[in-house]
Amino acid sequence: MATGSKQRLPAPRDTLIEAGLMGLALLPTLVSFYISLVTGDGHWFQRSGALMVLFSVGVEYHRKHLMSCQYLSLSETTEGVSTRMARIIIRFWRAVPFACYFAIVVGTLIWSYGDLLFA
């Protein structure tokens, strides 16, 4: 990630896209869990597992696309960005794959067995 003495960061747009997709992976699951609790129908929660997997795969696809087109993901240098903010952004980008793979596994389990929690 380093070029000379400057370290490059992903563009703010890319960070927002990744965070938005991760939010879309979690939000329907939480809402449908609540709906399934209230109604007693587990199929709402079970179907949300498919959405969780879909959006998590979307995050990973976006990430792989950025890695193949580095000029898009490395458009902003650390000039004008505080060191603390740069560390937060770098930590976020390093954690994304782990959160993504975890969400894919959990989403698959919800998709296949989520209705059994409410049986």
PDB file of N, CA and C in Angstrom:
ATOM      1  N   MET A   1       0.801  -1.194   0.000  1.00  0.00           N
ATOM      2  CA  MET A   1       0.000   0.000   0.000  1.00  0.00           C
ATOM      3  C   MET A   1       0.844   1.259   0.000  1.00  0.00           C
ATOM      4  N   ALA A   2       2.107   1.130   0.203  1.00  0.00           N
ATOM      5  CA  ALA A   2       2.926   2.322   0.293  1.00  0.00           C
ATOM      6  C   ALA A   2       3.599   2.601  -1.039  1.00  0.00           C
ATOM      7  N   THR A   3       3.630   3.872  -1.427  1.00  0.00           N
ATOM      8  CA  THR A   3       4.369   4.321  -2.584  1.00  0.00           C
ATOM      9  C   THR A   3       5.274   5.430  -2.107  1.00  0.00           C
ATOM     10  N   GLY A   4       6.566   5.136  -2.026  1.00  0.00           N
ATOM     11  CA  GLY A   4       7.476   6.116  -1.457  1.00  0.00           C
ATOM     12  C   GLY A   4       7.209   6.270   0.019  1.00  0.00           C
ATOM     13  N   SER A   5       7.069   7.516   0.488  1.00  0.00           N
ATOM     14  CA  SER A   5       6.766   7.743   1.896  1.00  0.00           C
ATOM     15  C   SER A   5       5.274   7.955   2.143  1.00  0.00           C
ATOM     16  N   LYS A   6       4.491   8.068   1.083  1.00  0.00           N
ATOM     17  CA  LYS A   6       3.063   8.322   1.232  1.00  0.00           C
ATOM     18  C   LYS A   6       2.288   7.008   1.180  1.00  0.00           C
ATOM     19  N   GLN A   7       1.308   6.916   2.025  1.00  0.00           N
ATOM     20  CA  GLN A   7       0.441   5.754   2.016  1.00  0.00           C
ATOM     21  C   GLN A   7      -0.887   6.160   1.405  1.00  0.00           C
ATOM     22  N   ARG A   8      -1.399   5.335   0.523  1.00  0.00           N
ATOM     23  CA  ARG A   8      -2.636   5.676  -0.168  1.00  0.00           C
ATOM     24  C   ARG A   8      -3.816   4.988   0.503  1.00  0.00           C
ATOM     25  N   LEU A   9      -4.941   5.671   0.487  1.00  0.00           N
ATOM     26  CA  LEU A   9      -6.168   5.168   1.091  1.00  0.00           C
ATOM     27  C   LEU A   9      -7.221   4.964   0.017  1.00  0.00           C
ATOM     28  N   PRO A  10      -8.190   4.093   0.291  1.00  0.00           N
ATOM     29  CA  PRO A  10      -9.309   3.968  -0.639  1.00  0.00           C
ATOM     30  C   PRO A  10     -10.088   5.276  -0.690  1.00  0.00           C
ATOM     31  N   ALA A  11     -10.726   5.507  -1.800  1.00  0.00           N
ATOM     32  CA  ALA A  11     -11.538   6.720  -1.944  1.00  0.00           C
ATOM     33  C   ALA A  11     -12.700   6.668  -0.964  1.00  0.00           C
ATOM     34  N   PRO A  12     -13.148   7.814  -0.472  1.00  0.00           N
ATOM     35  CA  PRO A  12     -14.289   7.831   0.445  1.00  0.00           C
ATOM     36  C   PRO A  12     -15.532   7.175  -0.150  1.00  0.00           C
ATOM     37  N   ARG A  13     -15.720   7.317  -1.451  1.00  0.00           N
ATOM     38  CA  ARG A  13     -16.855   6.691  -2.129  1.00  0.00           C
ATOM     39  C   ARG A  13     -16.809   5.172  -1.971  1.00  0.00           C
ATOM     40  N   ASP A  14     -15.628   4.587  -2.122  1.00  0.00           N
ATOM     41  CA  ASP A  14     -15.483   3.135  -1.988  1.00  0.00           C
ATOM     42  C   ASP A  14     -15.759   2.677  -0.564  1.00  0.00           C
ATOM     43  N   THR A  15     -15.320   3.458   0.401  1.00  0.00           N
ATOM     44  CA  THR A  15     -15.573   3.124   1.799  1.00  0.00           C
ATOM     45  C   THR A  15     -17.067   3.176   2.092  1.00  0.00           C
ATOM     46  N   LEU A  16     -17.756   4.174   1.554  1.00  0.00           N
ATOM     47  CA  LEU A  16     -19.208   4.276   1.755  1.00  0.00           C
ATOM     48  C   LEU A  16     -19.951   3.125   1.086  1.00  0.00           C
ATOM     49  N   ILE A  17     -19.509   2.723  -0.083  1.00  0.00           N
ATOM     50  CA  ILE A  17     -20.145   1.594  -0.772  1.00  0.00           C
ATOM     51  C   ILE A  17     -19.994   0.322   0.049  1.00  0.00           C
ATOM     52  N   GLU A  18     -18.790   0.079   0.542  1.00  0.00           N
ATOM     53  CA  GLU A  18     -18.550  -1.121   1.343  1.00  0.00           C
ATOM     54  C   GLU A  18     -19.386  -1.097   2.632  1.00  0.00           C
ATOM     55  N   ALA A  19     -19.395   0.020   3.319  1.00  0.00           N
ATOM     56  CA  ALA A  19     -20.162   0.130   4.561  1.00  0.00           C
ATOM     57  C   ALA A  19     -21.664   0.009   4.284  1.00  0.00           C
ATOM     58  N   GLY A  20     -22.116   0.591   3.197  1.00  0.00           N
ATOM     59  CA  GLY A  20     -23.529   0.494   2.838  1.00  0.00           C
ATOM     60  C   GLY A  20     -23.953  -0.929   2.526  1.00  0.00           C
ATOM     61  N   LEU A  21     -23.140  -1.645   1.776  1.00  0.00           N
ATOM     62  CA  LEU A  21     -23.452  -3.045   1.466  1.00  0.00           C
ATOM     63  C   LEU A  21     -23.426  -3.911   2.719  1.00  0.00           C
ATOM     64  N   MET A  22     -22.491  -3.623   3.617  1.00  0.00           N
ATOM     65  CA  MET A  22     -22.445  -4.381   4.871  1.00  0.00           C
ATOM     66  C   MET A  22     -23.688  -4.087   5.717  1.00  0.00           C
ATOM     67  N   GLY A  23     -24.134  -2.834   5.696  1.00  0.00           N
ATOM     68  CA  GLY A  23     -25.363  -2.486   6.405  1.00  0.00           C
ATOM     69  C   GLY A  23     -26.579  -3.168   5.796  1.00  0.00           C
ATOM     70  N   LEU A  24     -26.605  -3.245   4.461  1.00  0.00           N
ATOM     71  CA  LEU A  24     -27.707  -3.932   3.789  1.00  0.00           C
ATOM     72  C   LEU A  24     -27.684  -5.438   4.052  1.00  0.00           C
ATOM     73  N   ALA A  25     -26.526  -5.968   4.373  1.00  0.00           N
ATOM     74  CA  ALA A  25     -26.443  -7.384   4.724  1.00  0.00           C
ATOM     75  C   ALA A  25     -27.017  -7.635   6.116  1.00  0.00           C
ATOM     76  N   LEU A  26     -26.876  -6.670   7.012  1.00  0.00           N
ATOM     77  CA  LEU A  26     -27.336  -6.854   8.390  1.00  0.00           C
ATOM     78  C   LEU A  26     -28.761  -6.360   8.647  1.00  0.00           C
ATOM     79  N   LEU A  27     -29.133  -5.249   8.065  1.00  0.00           N
ATOM     80  CA  LEU A  27     -30.422  -4.636   8.376  1.00  0.00           C
ATOM     81  C   LEU A  27     -31.616  -5.545   8.088  1.00  0.00           C
ATOM     82  N   PRO A  28     -31.738  -6.151   6.897  1.00  0.00           N
ATOM     83  CA  PRO A  28     -32.887  -7.028   6.659  1.00  0.00           C
ATOM     84  C   PRO A  28     -32.929  -8.226   7.607  1.00  0.00           C
ATOM     85  N   THR A  29     -31.773  -8.710   7.996  1.00  0.00           N
ATOM     86  CA  THR A  29     -31.723  -9.850   8.907  1.00  0.00           C
ATOM     87  C   THR A  29     -32.259  -9.466  10.280  1.00  0.00           C
ATOM     88  N   LEU A  30     -31.857  -8.316  10.778  1.00  0.00           N
ATOM     89  CA  LEU A  30     -32.339  -7.873  12.086  1.00  0.00           C
ATOM     90  C   LEU A  30     -33.836  -7.562  12.065  1.00  0.00           C
ATOM     91  N   VAL A  31     -34.291  -6.894  11.015  1.00  0.00           N
ATOM     92  CA  VAL A  31     -35.718  -6.559  10.903  1.00  0.00           C
ATOM     93  C   VAL A  31     -36.555  -7.824  10.781  1.00  0.00           C
ATOM     94  N   SER A  32     -36.111  -8.753   9.945  1.00  0.00           N
ATOM     95  CA  SER A  32     -36.896  -9.975   9.760  1.00  0.00           C
ATOM     96  C   SER A  32     -36.847 -10.866  10.998  1.00  0.00           C
ATOM     97  N   PHE A  33     -35.765 -10.808  11.760  1.00  0.00           N
ATOM     98  CA  PHE A  33     -35.720 -11.555  13.019  1.00  0.00           C
ATOM     99  C   PHE A  33     -36.794 -11.017  13.964  1.00  0.00           C
ATOM    100  N   TYR A  34     -36.904  -9.709  14.036  1.00  0.00           N
ATOM    101  CA  TYR A  34     -37.926  -9.096  14.887  1.00  0.00           C
ATOM    102  C   TYR A  34     -39.332  -9.463  14.396  1.00  0.00           C
ATOM    103  N   ILE A  35     -39.544  -9.385  13.083  1.00  0.00           N
ATOM    104  CA  ILE A  35     -40.854  -9.739  12.523  1.00  0.00           C
ATOM    105  C   ILE A  35     -41.181 -11.201  12.813  1.00  0.00           C
ATOM    106  N   SER A  36     -40.201 -12.071  12.683  1.00  0.00           N
ATOM    107  CA  SER A  36     -40.424 -13.490  12.961  1.00  0.00           C
ATOM    108  C   SER A  36     -40.707 -13.726  14.439  1.00  0.00           C
ATOM    109  N   LEU A  37     -40.068 -12.954  15.307  1.00  0.00           N
ATOM    110  CA  LEU A  37     -40.359 -13.065  16.736  1.00  0.00           C
ATOM    111  C   LEU A  37     -41.798 -12.658  17.043  1.00  0.00           C
ATOM    112  N   VAL A  38     -42.235 -11.565  16.432  1.00  0.00           N
ATOM    113  CA  VAL A  38     -43.574 -11.044  16.692  1.00  0.00           C
ATOM    114  C   VAL A  38     -44.652 -11.962  16.103  1.00  0.00           C
ATOM    115  N   THR A  39     -44.450 -12.401  14.870  1.00  0.00           N
ATOM    116  CA  THR A  39     -45.477 -13.194  14.196  1.00  0.00           C
ATOM    117  C   THR A  39     -45.365 -14.683  14.470  1.00  0.00           C
ATOM    118  N   GLY A  40     -44.189 -15.148  14.830  1.00  0.00           N
ATOM    119  CA  GLY A  40     -43.973 -16.573  15.036  1.00  0.00           C
ATOM    120  C   GLY A  40     -43.683 -17.333  13.755  1.00  0.00           C
ATOM    121  N   ASP A  41     -43.664 -16.631  12.616  1.00  0.00           N
ATOM    122  CA  ASP A  41     -43.343 -17.249  11.332  1.00  0.00           C
ATOM    123  C   ASP A  41     -41.848 -17.145  11.065  1.00  0.00           C
ATOM    124  N   GLY A  42     -41.163 -18.274  11.083  1.00  0.00           N
ATOM    125  CA  GLY A  42     -39.715 -18.266  10.901  1.00  0.00           C
ATOM    126  C   GLY A  42     -39.260 -18.075   9.475  1.00  0.00           C
ATOM    127  N   HIS A  43     -40.183 -18.144   8.517  1.00  0.00           N
ATOM    128  CA  HIS A  43     -39.754 -18.023   7.124  1.00  0.00           C
ATOM    129  C   HIS A  43     -39.227 -16.635   6.787  1.00  0.00           C
ATOM    130  N   TRP A  44     -39.681 -15.606   7.508  1.00  0.00           N
ATOM    131  CA  TRP A  44     -39.148 -14.257   7.258  1.00  0.00           C
ATOM    132  C   TRP A  44     -37.657 -14.203   7.597  1.00  0.00           C
ATOM    133  N   PHE A  45     -37.312 -14.750   8.742  1.00  0.00           N
ATOM    134  CA  PHE A  45     -35.908 -14.763   9.156  1.00  0.00           C
ATOM    135  C   PHE A  45     -35.091 -15.648   8.221  1.00  0.00           C
ATOM    136  N   GLN A  46     -35.643 -16.783   7.838  1.00  0.00           N
ATOM    137  CA  GLN A  46     -34.922 -17.701   6.956  1.00  0.00           C
ATOM    138  C   GLN A  46     -34.615 -17.035   5.614  1.00  0.00           C
ATOM    139  N   ARG A  47     -35.564 -16.345   5.051  1.00  0.00           N
ATOM    140  CA  ARG A  47     -35.348 -15.698   3.755  1.00  0.00           C
ATOM    141  C   ARG A  47     -34.338 -14.563   3.834  1.00  0.00           C
ATOM    142  N   SER A  48     -34.231 -13.948   4.981  1.00  0.00           N
ATOM    143  CA  SER A  48     -33.258 -12.861   5.122  1.00  0.00           C
ATOM    144  C   SER A  48     -31.826 -13.372   5.031  1.00  0.00           C
ATOM    145  N   GLY A  49     -31.618 -14.655   5.306  1.00  0.00           N
ATOM    146  CA  GLY A  49     -30.278 -15.232   5.157  1.00  0.00           C
ATOM    147  C   GLY A  49     -29.792 -15.145   3.721  1.00  0.00           C
ATOM    148  N   ALA A  50     -30.708 -15.305   2.771  1.00  0.00           N
ATOM    149  CA  ALA A  50     -30.345 -15.177   1.356  1.00  0.00           C
ATOM    150  C   ALA A  50     -29.888 -13.759   1.043  1.00  0.00           C
ATOM    151  N   LEU A  51     -30.581 -12.767   1.611  1.00  0.00           N
ATOM    152  CA  LEU A  51     -30.174 -11.374   1.393  1.00  0.00           C
ATOM    153  C   LEU A  51     -28.822 -11.087   2.030  1.00  0.00           C
ATOM    154  N   MET A  52     -28.589 -11.675   3.186  1.00  0.00           N
ATOM    155  CA  MET A  52     -27.310 -11.482   3.863  1.00  0.00           C
ATOM    156  C   MET A  52     -26.170 -12.031   3.008  1.00  0.00           C
ATOM    157  N   VAL A  53     -26.374 -13.207   2.450  1.00  0.00           N
ATOM    158  CA  VAL A  53     -25.353 -13.799   1.580  1.00  0.00           C
ATOM    159  C   VAL A  53     -25.180 -12.953   0.321  1.00  0.00           C
ATOM    160  N   LEU A  54     -26.279 -12.524  -0.274  1.00  0.00           N
ATOM    161  CA  LEU A  54     -26.219 -11.734  -1.504  1.00  0.00           C
ATOM    162  C   LEU A  54     -25.413 -10.450  -1.313  1.00  0.00           C
ATOM    163  N   PHE A  55     -25.727  -9.691  -0.276  1.00  0.00           N
ATOM    164  CA  PHE A  55     -25.021  -8.427  -0.067  1.00  0.00           C
ATOM    165  C   PHE A  55     -23.576  -8.648   0.383  1.00  0.00           C
ATOM    166  N   SER A  56     -23.310  -9.722   1.107  1.00  0.00           N
ATOM    167  CA  SER A  56     -21.934 -10.031   1.508  1.00  0.00           C
ATOM    168  C   SER A  56     -21.086 -10.411   0.297  1.00  0.00           C
ATOM    169  N   VAL A  57     -21.673 -11.154  -0.612  1.00  0.00           N
ATOM    170  CA  VAL A  57     -20.970 -11.471  -1.860  1.00  0.00           C
ATOM    171  C   VAL A  57     -20.753 -10.188  -2.664  1.00  0.00           C
ATOM    172  N   GLY A  58     -21.720  -9.282  -2.630  1.00  0.00           N
ATOM    173  CA  GLY A  58     -21.557  -7.992  -3.294  1.00  0.00           C
ATOM    174  C   GLY A  58     -20.392  -7.197  -2.730  1.00  0.00           C
ATOM    175  N   VAL A  59     -20.218  -7.238  -1.422  1.00  0.00           N
ATOM    176  CA  VAL A  59     -19.073  -6.561  -0.784  1.00  0.00           C
ATOM    177  C   VAL A  59     -17.775  -7.172  -1.291  1.00  0.00           C
ATOM    178  N   GLU A  60     -17.716  -8.485  -1.313  1.00  0.00           N
ATOM    179  CA  GLU A  60     -16.488  -9.152  -1.758  1.00  0.00           C
ATOM    180  C   GLU A  60     -16.220  -8.894  -3.231  1.00  0.00           C
ATOM    181  N   TYR A  61     -17.256  -8.879  -4.048  1.00  0.00           N
ATOM    182  CA  TYR A  61     -17.082  -8.573  -5.468  1.00  0.00           C
ATOM    183  C   TYR A  61     -16.552  -7.146  -5.641  1.00  0.00           C
ATOM    184  N   HIS A  62     -17.133  -6.203  -4.929  1.00  0.00           N
ATOM    185  CA  HIS A  62     -16.679  -4.811  -5.006  1.00  0.00           C
ATOM    186  C   HIS A  62     -15.216  -4.700  -4.596  1.00  0.00           C
ATOM    187  N   ARG A  63     -14.860  -5.411  -3.556  1.00  0.00           N
ATOM    188  CA  ARG A  63     -13.491  -5.387  -3.054  1.00  0.00           C
ATOM    189  C   ARG A  63     -12.516  -5.971  -4.074  1.00  0.00           C
ATOM    190  N   LYS A  64     -12.867  -7.095  -4.674  1.00  0.00           N
ATOM    191  CA  LYS A  64     -11.997  -7.718  -5.688  1.00  0.00           C
ATOM    192  C   LYS A  64     -11.869  -6.817  -6.904  1.00  0.00           C
ATOM    193  N   HIS A  65     -12.963  -6.148  -7.274  1.00  0.00           N
ATOM    194  CA  HIS A  65     -12.915  -5.224  -8.401  1.00  0.00           C
ATOM    195  C   HIS A  65     -11.963  -4.066  -8.104  1.00  0.00           C
ATOM    196  N   LEU A  66     -12.003  -3.563  -6.891  1.00  0.00           N
ATOM    197  CA  LEU A  66     -11.097  -2.477  -6.519  1.00  0.00           C
ATOM    198  C   LEU A  66      -9.646  -2.918  -6.548  1.00  0.00           C
ATOM    199  N   MET A  67      -9.397  -4.147  -6.146  1.00  0.00           N
ATOM    200  CA  MET A  67      -8.022  -4.639  -6.145  1.00  0.00           C
ATOM    201  C   MET A  67      -7.494  -4.809  -7.573  1.00  0.00           C
ATOM    202  N   SER A  68      -8.377  -5.158  -8.515  1.00  0.00           N
ATOM    203  CA  SER A  68      -7.935  -5.307  -9.897  1.00  0.00           C
ATOM    204  C   SER A  68      -7.785  -3.948 -10.588  1.00  0.00           C
ATOM    205  N   CYS A  69      -8.497  -2.944 -10.118  1.00  0.00           N
ATOM    206  CA  CYS A  69      -8.415  -1.581 -10.664  1.00  0.00           C
ATOM    207  C   CYS A  69      -7.862  -0.679  -9.573  1.00  0.00           C
ATOM    208  N   GLN A  70      -6.611  -0.832  -9.233  1.00  0.00           N
ATOM    209  CA  GLN A  70      -6.042  -0.125  -8.088  1.00  0.00           C
ATOM    210  C   GLN A  70      -6.127   1.381  -8.205  1.00  0.00           C
ATOM    211  N   TYR A  71      -6.192   1.878  -9.402  1.00  0.00           N
ATOM    212  CA  TYR A  71      -6.282   3.333  -9.534  1.00  0.00           C
ATOM    213  C   TYR A  71      -7.578   3.864  -8.941  1.00  0.00           C
ATOM    214  N   LEU A  72      -8.633   3.035  -8.879  1.00  0.00           N
ATOM    215  CA  LEU A  72      -9.877   3.476  -8.257  1.00  0.00           C
ATOM    216  C   LEU A  72      -9.791   3.450  -6.740  1.00  0.00           C
ATOM    217  N   SER A  73      -9.176   2.396  -6.194  1.00  0.00           N
ATOM    218  CA  SER A  73      -9.174   2.259  -4.746  1.00  0.00           C
ATOM    219  C   SER A  73      -8.047   3.034  -4.084  1.00  0.00           C
ATOM    220  N   LEU A  74      -7.105   3.506  -4.860  1.00  0.00           N
ATOM    221  CA  LEU A  74      -5.969   4.212  -4.275  1.00  0.00           C
ATOM    222  C   LEU A  74      -5.944   5.666  -4.745  1.00  0.00           C
ATOM    223  N   SER A  75      -7.084   6.297  -4.736  1.00  0.00           N
ATOM    224  CA  SER A  75      -7.170   7.625  -5.319  1.00  0.00           C
ATOM    225  C   SER A  75      -6.875   8.754  -4.337  1.00  0.00           C
ATOM    226  N   GLU A  76      -6.786   8.442  -3.066  1.00  0.00           N
ATOM    227  CA  GLU A  76      -6.591   9.516  -2.084  1.00  0.00           C
ATOM    228  C   GLU A  76      -5.359   9.207  -1.235  1.00  0.00           C
ATOM    229  N   THR A  77      -4.439  10.144  -1.146  1.00  0.00           N
ATOM    230  CA  THR A  77      -3.272   9.951  -0.307  1.00  0.00           C
ATOM    231  C   THR A  77      -3.576  10.416   1.095  1.00  0.00           C
ATOM    232  N   THR A  78      -2.648  10.176   1.988  1.00  0.00           N
ATOM    233  CA  THR A  78      -2.857  10.572   3.376  1.00  0.00           C
ATOM    234  C   THR A  78      -2.643  12.063   3.591  1.00  0.00           C
ATOM    235  N   GLU A  79      -2.261  12.803   2.555  1.00  0.00           N
ATOM    236  CA  GLU A  79      -2.151  14.247   2.697  1.00  0.00           C
ATOM    237  C   GLU A  79      -3.537  14.823   2.947  1.00  0.00           C
ATOM    238  N   GLY A  80      -3.672  15.646   3.954  1.00  0.00           N
ATOM    239  CA  GLY A  80      -4.957  16.244   4.274  1.00  0.00           C
ATOM    240  C   GLY A  80      -5.838  15.357   5.131  1.00  0.00           C
ATOM    241  N   VAL A  81      -5.382  14.154   5.457  1.00  0.00           N
ATOM    242  CA  VAL A  81      -6.135  13.242   6.314  1.00  0.00           C
ATOM    243  C   VAL A  81      -5.307  13.032   7.574  1.00  0.00           C
ATOM    244  N   SER A  82      -5.943  13.144   8.722  1.00  0.00           N
ATOM    245  CA  SER A  82      -5.202  12.964   9.964  1.00  0.00           C
ATOM    246  C   SER A  82      -4.694  11.532  10.069  1.00  0.00           C
ATOM    247  N   THR A  83      -3.623  11.357  10.824  1.00  0.00           N
ATOM    248  CA  THR A  83      -3.038  10.033  11.006  1.00  0.00           C
ATOM    249  C   THR A  83      -4.029   9.098  11.676  1.00  0.00           C
ATOM    250  N   ARG A  84      -4.769   9.618  12.620  1.00  0.00           N
ATOM    251  CA  ARG A  84      -5.750   8.783  13.312  1.00  0.00           C
ATOM    252  C   ARG A  84      -6.846   8.318  12.355  1.00  0.00           C
ATOM    253  N   MET A  85      -7.343   9.224  11.527  1.00  0.00           N
ATOM    254  CA  MET A  85      -8.377   8.859  10.559  1.00  0.00           C
ATOM    255  C   MET A  85      -7.830   7.857   9.549  1.00  0.00           C
ATOM    256  N   ALA A  86      -6.606   8.036   9.119  1.00  0.00           N
ATOM    257  CA  ALA A  86      -5.992   7.092   8.178  1.00  0.00           C
ATOM    258  C   ALA A  86      -5.907   5.704   8.802  1.00  0.00           C
ATOM    259  N   ARG A  87      -5.548   5.628  10.067  1.00  0.00           N
ATOM    260  CA  ARG A  87      -5.479   4.319  10.746  1.00  0.00           C
ATOM    261  C   ARG A  87      -6.860   3.672  10.838  1.00  0.00           C
ATOM    262  N   ILE A  88      -7.883   4.470  11.120  1.00  0.00           N
ATOM    263  CA  ILE A  88      -9.242   3.938  11.215  1.00  0.00           C
ATOM    264  C   ILE A  88      -9.679   3.381   9.861  1.00  0.00           C
ATOM    265  N   ILE A  89      -9.410   4.121   8.791  1.00  0.00           N
ATOM    266  CA  ILE A  89      -9.803   3.671   7.457  1.00  0.00           C
ATOM    267  C   ILE A  89      -9.049   2.402   7.073  1.00  0.00           C
ATOM    268  N   ILE A  90      -7.764   2.364   7.344  1.00  0.00           N
ATOM    269  CA  ILE A  90      -6.966   1.177   7.013  1.00  0.00           C
ATOM    270  C   ILE A  90      -7.444  -0.018   7.831  1.00  0.00           C
ATOM    271  N   ARG A  91      -7.739   0.183   9.099  1.00  0.00           N
ATOM    272  CA  ARG A  91      -8.247  -0.911   9.938  1.00  0.00           C
ATOM    273  C   ARG A  91      -9.588  -1.416   9.420  1.00  0.00           C
ATOM    274  N   PHE A  92     -10.453  -0.488   8.998  1.00  0.00           N
ATOM    275  CA  PHE A  92     -11.745  -0.874   8.420  1.00  0.00           C
ATOM    276  C   PHE A  92     -11.539  -1.740   7.179  1.00  0.00           C
ATOM    277  N   TRP A  93     -10.660  -1.311   6.270  1.00  0.00           N
ATOM    278  CA  TRP A  93     -10.446  -2.048   5.026  1.00  0.00           C
ATOM    279  C   TRP A  93      -9.788  -3.399   5.266  1.00  0.00           C
ATOM    280  N   ARG A  94      -9.009  -3.526   6.309  1.00  0.00           N
ATOM    281  CA  ARG A  94      -8.419  -4.833   6.626  1.00  0.00           C
ATOM    282  C   ARG A  94      -9.433  -5.765   7.265  1.00  0.00           C
ATOM    283  N   ALA A  95     -10.435  -5.241   7.955  1.00  0.00           N
ATOM    284  CA  ALA A  95     -11.432  -6.057   8.632  1.00  0.00           C
ATOM    285  C   ALA A  95     -12.561  -6.499   7.706  1.00  0.00           C
ATOM    286  N   VAL A  96     -12.736  -5.826   6.595  1.00  0.00           N
ATOM    287  CA  VAL A  96     -13.848  -6.128   5.696  1.00  0.00           C
ATOM    288  C   VAL A  96     -13.874  -7.590   5.245  1.00  0.00           C
ATOM    289  N   PRO A  97     -12.764  -8.183   4.800  1.00  0.00           N
ATOM    290  CA  PRO A  97     -12.856  -9.577   4.345  1.00  0.00           C
ATOM    291  C   PRO A  97     -13.309 -10.533   5.442  1.00  0.00           C
ATOM    292  N   PHE A  98     -12.838 -10.344   6.664  1.00  0.00           N
ATOM    293  CA  PHE A  98     -13.228 -11.232   7.759  1.00  0.00           C
ATOM    294  C   PHE A  98     -14.713 -11.090   8.078  1.00  0.00           C
ATOM    295  N   ALA A  99     -15.200  -9.866   8.122  1.00  0.00           N
ATOM    296  CA  ALA A  99     -16.628  -9.635   8.371  1.00  0.00           C
ATOM    297  C   ALA A  99     -17.462 -10.190   7.224  1.00  0.00           C
ATOM    298  N   CYS A 100     -16.963 -10.055   6.009  1.00  0.00           N
ATOM    299  CA  CYS A 100     -17.681 -10.526   4.835  1.00  0.00           C
ATOM    300  C   CYS A 100     -17.802 -12.051   4.842  1.00  0.00           C
ATOM    301  N   TYR A 101     -16.696 -12.746   5.074  1.00  0.00           N
ATOM    302  CA  TYR A 101     -16.736 -14.215   5.097  1.00  0.00           C
ATOM    303  C   TYR A 101     -17.579 -14.721   6.263  1.00  0.00           C
ATOM    304  N   PHE A 102     -17.502 -14.067   7.394  1.00  0.00           N
ATOM    305  CA  PHE A 102     -18.326 -14.447   8.542  1.00  0.00           C
ATOM    306  C   PHE A 102     -19.813 -14.277   8.213  1.00  0.00           C
ATOM    307  N   ALA A 103     -20.151 -13.160   7.556  1.00  0.00           N
ATOM    308  CA  ALA A 103     -21.542 -12.910   7.186  1.00  0.00           C
ATOM    309  C   ALA A 103     -22.036 -13.915   6.155  1.00  0.00           C
ATOM    310  N   ILE A 104     -21.173 -14.357   5.257  1.00  0.00           N
ATOM    311  CA  ILE A 104     -21.566 -15.371   4.276  1.00  0.00           C
ATOM    312  C   ILE A 104     -21.877 -16.687   4.973  1.00  0.00           C
ATOM    313  N   VAL A 105     -21.047 -17.077   5.921  1.00  0.00           N
ATOM    314  CA  VAL A 105     -21.278 -18.331   6.648  1.00  0.00           C
ATOM    315  C   VAL A 105     -22.550 -18.231   7.492  1.00  0.00           C
ATOM    316  N   VAL A 106     -22.691 -17.156   8.247  1.00  0.00           N
ATOM    317  CA  VAL A 106     -23.882 -16.980   9.098  1.00  0.00           C
ATOM    318  C   VAL A 106     -25.138 -16.868   8.233  1.00  0.00           C
ATOM    319  N   GLY A 107     -25.065 -16.127   7.137  1.00  0.00           N
ATOM    320  CA  GLY A 107     -26.208 -15.998   6.246  1.00  0.00           C
ATOM    321  C   GLY A 107     -26.618 -17.328   5.641  1.00  0.00           C
ATOM    322  N   THR A 108     -25.652 -18.161   5.314  1.00  0.00           N
ATOM    323  CA  THR A 108     -25.959 -19.487   4.778  1.00  0.00           C
ATOM    324  C   THR A 108     -26.652 -20.345   5.827  1.00  0.00           C
ATOM    325  N   LEU A 109     -26.184 -20.273   7.060  1.00  0.00           N
ATOM    326  CA  LEU A 109     -26.831 -21.032   8.138  1.00  0.00           C
ATOM    327  C   LEU A 109     -28.254 -20.535   8.393  1.00  0.00           C
ATOM    328  N   ILE A 110     -28.444 -19.220   8.373  1.00  0.00           N
ATOM    329  CA  ILE A 110     -29.783 -18.657   8.558  1.00  0.00           C
ATOM    330  C   ILE A 110     -30.679 -19.074   7.397  1.00  0.00           C
ATOM    331  N   TRP A 111     -30.130 -19.020   6.190  1.00  0.00           N
ATOM    332  CA  TRP A 111     -30.887 -19.349   4.992  1.00  0.00           C
ATOM    333  C   TRP A 111     -31.370 -20.802   5.023  1.00  0.00           C
ATOM    334  N   SER A 112     -30.542 -21.679   5.564  1.00  0.00           N
ATOM    335  CA  SER A 112     -30.901 -23.096   5.550  1.00  0.00           C
ATOM    336  C   SER A 112     -31.668 -23.535   6.804  1.00  0.00           C
ATOM    337  N   TYR A 113     -31.360 -22.984   7.974  1.00  0.00           N
ATOM    338  CA  TYR A 113     -31.957 -23.464   9.217  1.00  0.00           C
ATOM    339  C   TYR A 113     -32.651 -22.370  10.035  1.00  0.00           C
ATOM    340  N   GLY A 114     -32.776 -21.176   9.520  1.00  0.00           N
ATOM    341  CA  GLY A 114     -33.322 -20.057  10.294  1.00  0.00           C
ATOM    342  C   GLY A 114     -34.749 -20.249  10.755  1.00  0.00           C
ATOM    343  N   ASP A 115     -35.542 -20.973  10.005  1.00  0.00           N
ATOM    344  CA  ASP A 115     -36.940 -21.167  10.398  1.00  0.00           C
ATOM    345  C   ASP A 115     -37.079 -22.105  11.593  1.00  0.00           C
ATOM    346  N   LEU A 116     -36.070 -22.917  11.833  1.00  0.00           N
ATOM    347  CA  LEU A 116     -36.150 -23.878  12.948  1.00  0.00           C
ATOM    348  C   LEU A 116     -36.088 -23.189  14.319  1.00  0.00           C
ATOM    349  N   LEU A 117     -35.574 -21.971  14.354  1.00  0.00           N
ATOM    350  CA  LEU A 117     -35.546 -21.229  15.613  1.00  0.00           C
ATOM    351  C   LEU A 117     -36.946 -20.861  16.100  1.00  0.00           C
ATOM    352  N   PHE A 118     -37.899 -20.819  15.187  1.00  0.00           N
ATOM    353  CA  PHE A 118     -39.243 -20.378  15.520  1.00  0.00           C
ATOM    354  C   PHE A 118     -40.266 -21.508  15.419  1.00  0.00           C
ATOM    355  N   ALA A 119     -39.797 -22.731  15.306  1.00  0.00           N
ATOM    356  CA  ALA A 119     -40.708 -23.889  15.183  1.00  0.00           C
ATOM    357  C   ALA A 119     -41.239 -24.329  16.534  1.00  0.00           C
TER     358      ALA A 119
END
